[in-house]
Amino acid sequence: MNGPMRPGLPVDDSTALSRMQFIAENSLLWTMSWCVWMMCALGLYLFCALFCHRLTPSTLTRMGLVFVGIGLVPDLIAEVLYAFVLPYSLHLSISPVMFQLIEFTASRLTGFLGNGLYNLGGLLLTLAAIRQRTLPDWVAYWGMLAWLLGIGLSISIALNALAMAELFTATSMVLSTLWMLIVAHTVIQHD
């Protein structure tokens, strides 16, 4: 949460001008970091597809994977806005108000819509795995908690509660990443 891109994000007391300056001065780092994040979005879908493939087909599994897939669309659009539109627009000397409008749009697309759909889909896949007794109970509960914290992140973005969004990002990302590693080892690898 305190990584090298933090000064370019609308957290703490940063102003649009300071964020614009940071992105202009670190455009390669900024763009490459968002490209890595795009690969992570595709990786999340791949993980969910592999997980879904290991489950017995059902309405829950199909809906879960569909929600994750639909979540890719607003997420990747937002990440293109962050990675390419914001840095390029700074070369065009856009106003801080226009910069904030692009930021606002991107944050709602990725943090609310994309993330919300990902977490709803992950929650449905986990519920399907629980119904099918595919996961040990402790892994199932861990997954449910991780996905619910991710939904909390979406809600906090919708409410513009950025401090709360940071807390939900940190907790949901750590728990969900570890959960995915455990599921990959216990379910996906052994099939």
Protein backbone atom coordinates (compact mmCIF):
# COMPACT_ATOMS: atom_id res chain seq x y z
CA MET A 1 0.00 0.00 0.00
CA ASN A 2 2.98 2.31 0.40
CA GLY A 3 4.70 1.37 -2.83
CA PRO A 4 6.42 3.64 -5.32
CA MET A 5 3.18 4.62 -7.10
CA ARG A 6 1.46 5.91 -3.97
CA PRO A 7 2.33 9.61 -4.62
CA GLY A 8 0.43 9.37 -7.90
CA LEU A 9 -2.74 8.04 -6.30
CA PRO A 10 -5.50 10.16 -4.73
CA VAL A 11 -4.81 9.15 -1.13
CA ASP A 12 -3.90 11.11 1.99
CA ASP A 13 -3.62 14.82 1.32
CA SER A 14 -2.26 14.63 -2.22
CA THR A 15 -3.58 17.25 -4.59
CA ALA A 16 -4.35 16.81 -8.26
CA LEU A 17 -1.34 18.99 -9.10
CA SER A 18 1.03 16.87 -7.03
CA ARG A 19 -0.34 13.67 -8.58
CA MET A 20 -0.03 15.15 -12.05
CA GLN A 21 3.56 16.11 -11.34
CA PHE A 22 4.40 12.67 -9.97
CA ILE A 23 2.94 10.90 -13.01
CA ALA A 24 4.70 13.28 -15.40
CA GLU A 25 8.03 12.70 -13.65
CA ASN A 26 7.57 8.92 -13.38
CA SER A 27 5.56 8.10 -16.49
CA LEU A 28 7.50 4.95 -17.41
CA LEU A 29 7.21 3.50 -13.89
CA TRP A 30 3.56 4.53 -13.79
CA THR A 31 2.69 2.97 -17.17
CA MET A 32 4.66 -0.23 -16.60
CA SER A 33 3.10 -0.71 -13.16
CA TRP A 34 -0.39 -0.44 -14.61
CA CYS A 35 0.58 -2.90 -17.36
CA VAL A 36 1.61 -5.38 -14.65
CA TRP A 37 -1.76 -4.77 -12.98
CA MET A 38 -3.49 -5.57 -16.30
CA MET A 39 -1.61 -8.87 -16.40
CA CYS A 40 -2.81 -9.52 -12.85
CA ALA A 41 -6.40 -9.00 -13.97
CA LEU A 42 -5.94 -11.54 -16.74
CA GLY A 43 -4.22 -13.87 -14.26
CA LEU A 44 -7.21 -13.62 -11.91
CA TYR A 45 -9.51 -14.68 -14.72
CA LEU A 46 -7.20 -17.56 -15.64
CA PHE A 47 -7.14 -18.73 -12.01
CA CYS A 48 -10.94 -18.57 -11.77
CA ALA A 49 -11.32 -20.43 -15.07
CA LEU A 50 -8.99 -23.20 -13.87
CA PHE A 51 -10.79 -23.34 -10.53
CA CYS A 52 -14.18 -23.44 -12.28
CA HIS A 53 -12.94 -26.23 -14.55
CA ARG A 54 -12.15 -28.33 -11.46
CA LEU A 55 -15.69 -27.92 -10.13
CA THR A 56 -18.78 -29.78 -11.26
CA PRO A 57 -20.62 -27.55 -13.75
CA SER A 58 -23.56 -25.76 -12.15
CA THR A 59 -25.41 -22.47 -12.28
CA LEU A 60 -23.15 -21.15 -9.51
CA THR A 61 -19.94 -22.05 -11.33
CA ARG A 62 -21.13 -20.61 -14.64
CA MET A 63 -22.42 -17.40 -13.04
CA GLY A 64 -19.24 -17.05 -10.99
CA LEU A 65 -16.96 -17.28 -14.02
CA VAL A 66 -19.24 -15.00 -16.07
CA PHE A 67 -19.11 -12.30 -13.36
CA VAL A 68 -15.30 -12.52 -13.22
CA GLY A 69 -15.14 -12.31 -17.02
CA ILE A 70 -17.47 -9.33 -17.18
CA GLY A 71 -15.40 -7.66 -14.45
CA LEU A 72 -12.40 -7.69 -16.80
CA VAL A 73 -14.06 -5.19 -19.12
CA PRO A 74 -14.40 -2.16 -16.80
CA ASP A 75 -11.18 -3.09 -15.01
CA LEU A 76 -9.06 -3.16 -18.15
CA ILE A 77 -10.70 0.03 -19.47
CA ALA A 78 -9.82 1.75 -16.19
CA GLU A 79 -6.27 0.47 -16.27
CA VAL A 80 -5.84 1.76 -19.83
CA LEU A 81 -7.06 5.15 -18.59
CA TYR A 82 -4.53 5.05 -15.75
CA ALA A 83 -1.62 3.62 -17.77
CA PHE A 84 -1.92 5.53 -21.00
CA VAL A 85 -4.57 8.25 -20.99
CA LEU A 86 -3.46 10.03 -17.82
CA PRO A 87 0.26 10.22 -18.75
CA TYR A 88 -0.53 11.19 -22.36
CA SER A 89 -3.06 13.82 -21.27
CA LEU A 90 -0.36 15.49 -19.17
CA HIS A 91 1.59 16.10 -22.39
CA LEU A 92 -1.51 17.89 -23.65
CA SER A 93 -1.52 20.11 -20.55
CA ILE A 94 -5.00 19.17 -19.36
CA SER A 95 -6.48 20.99 -16.41
CA PRO A 96 -6.45 19.50 -12.90
CA VAL A 97 -10.25 19.26 -13.10
CA MET A 98 -10.09 17.13 -16.27
CA PHE A 99 -7.32 15.03 -14.70
CA GLN A 100 -9.54 14.41 -11.65
CA LEU A 101 -12.46 13.48 -13.89
CA ILE A 102 -10.35 10.81 -15.61
CA GLU A 103 -9.12 9.57 -12.21
CA PHE A 104 -12.65 9.47 -10.84
CA THR A 105 -13.93 7.54 -13.85
CA ALA A 106 -11.05 5.05 -13.75
CA SER A 107 -11.33 4.47 -10.01
CA ARG A 108 -15.04 3.72 -10.25
CA LEU A 109 -14.56 1.42 -13.23
CA THR A 110 -11.81 -0.62 -11.60
CA GLY A 111 -12.40 -0.21 -7.87
CA PHE A 112 -16.16 -0.39 -7.81
CA LEU A 113 -17.46 -2.10 -10.95
CA GLY A 114 -14.59 -4.40 -11.99
CA ASN A 115 -13.56 -5.30 -8.45
CA GLY A 116 -17.17 -5.79 -7.38
CA LEU A 117 -17.83 -8.20 -10.24
CA TYR A 118 -14.57 -10.09 -9.59
CA ASN A 119 -15.42 -10.54 -5.94
CA LEU A 120 -19.03 -11.49 -6.59
CA GLY A 121 -17.83 -14.08 -9.10
CA GLY A 122 -15.17 -15.39 -6.73
CA LEU A 123 -17.75 -15.61 -3.97
CA LEU A 124 -20.06 -17.67 -6.21
CA LEU A 125 -17.22 -20.01 -7.22
CA THR A 126 -16.30 -20.48 -3.57
CA LEU A 127 -19.94 -21.18 -2.67
CA ALA A 128 -20.04 -23.78 -5.44
CA ALA A 129 -16.86 -25.38 -4.07
CA ILE A 130 -18.41 -25.43 -0.58
CA ARG A 131 -21.58 -27.09 -1.91
CA GLN A 132 -19.47 -29.65 -3.74
CA ARG A 133 -17.21 -30.22 -0.72
CA THR A 134 -14.19 -29.44 -2.91
CA LEU A 135 -12.37 -27.34 -0.30
CA PRO A 136 -11.44 -28.07 3.29
CA ASP A 137 -13.68 -26.00 5.60
CA TRP A 138 -10.88 -23.67 6.72
CA VAL A 139 -9.95 -22.91 3.09
CA ALA A 140 -13.60 -22.30 2.21
CA TYR A 141 -14.09 -19.86 5.10
CA TRP A 142 -10.82 -18.10 4.26
CA GLY A 143 -12.01 -17.64 0.68
CA MET A 144 -15.39 -16.34 1.75
CA LEU A 145 -13.71 -13.78 4.01
CA ALA A 146 -11.31 -12.67 1.27
CA TRP A 147 -14.11 -12.20 -1.29
CA LEU A 148 -16.32 -10.36 1.23
CA LEU A 149 -13.47 -8.00 2.09
CA GLY A 150 -13.09 -7.37 -1.65
CA ILE A 151 -16.77 -6.44 -1.83
CA GLY A 152 -16.10 -4.08 1.09
CA LEU A 153 -13.42 -2.47 -1.08
CA SER A 154 -15.94 -1.92 -3.88
CA ILE A 155 -18.40 -0.34 -1.48
CA SER A 156 -15.74 1.95 0.00
CA ILE A 157 -14.75 3.13 -3.50
CA ALA A 158 -18.41 3.81 -4.33
CA LEU A 159 -18.65 5.88 -1.13
CA ASN A 160 -15.33 7.64 -1.88
CA ALA A 161 -14.00 6.41 1.49
CA LEU A 162 -10.39 6.14 0.32
CA ALA A 163 -8.86 5.41 3.73
CA MET A 164 -11.30 2.54 4.12
CA ALA A 165 -10.55 1.44 0.56
CA GLU A 166 -6.86 1.18 1.45
CA LEU A 167 -7.67 -1.01 4.44
CA PHE A 168 -9.93 -3.27 2.38
CA THR A 169 -7.36 -3.41 -0.45
CA ALA A 170 -4.57 -4.44 1.88
CA THR A 171 -6.57 -7.10 3.71
CA SER A 172 -8.47 -8.52 0.75
CA MET A 173 -5.40 -8.67 -1.50
CA VAL A 174 -3.25 -10.44 1.06
CA LEU A 175 -5.97 -12.92 2.03
CA SER A 176 -7.13 -13.60 -1.53
CA THR A 177 -3.61 -14.03 -2.92
CA LEU A 178 -2.70 -16.52 -0.20
CA TRP A 179 -6.06 -18.24 -0.65
CA MET A 180 -5.46 -18.61 -4.40
CA LEU A 181 -2.06 -20.18 -3.72
CA ILE A 182 -3.66 -22.66 -1.32
CA VAL A 183 -6.46 -23.47 -3.77
CA ALA A 184 -3.96 -23.87 -6.60
CA HIS A 185 -2.04 -26.35 -4.46
CA THR A 186 -5.00 -28.26 -2.98
CA VAL A 187 -7.51 -28.24 -5.84
CA ILE A 188 -6.05 -27.23 -9.18
CA GLN A 189 -2.69 -29.03 -8.93
CA HIS A 190 -4.16 -32.33 -7.76
CA ASP A 191 -6.64 -32.76 -10.55
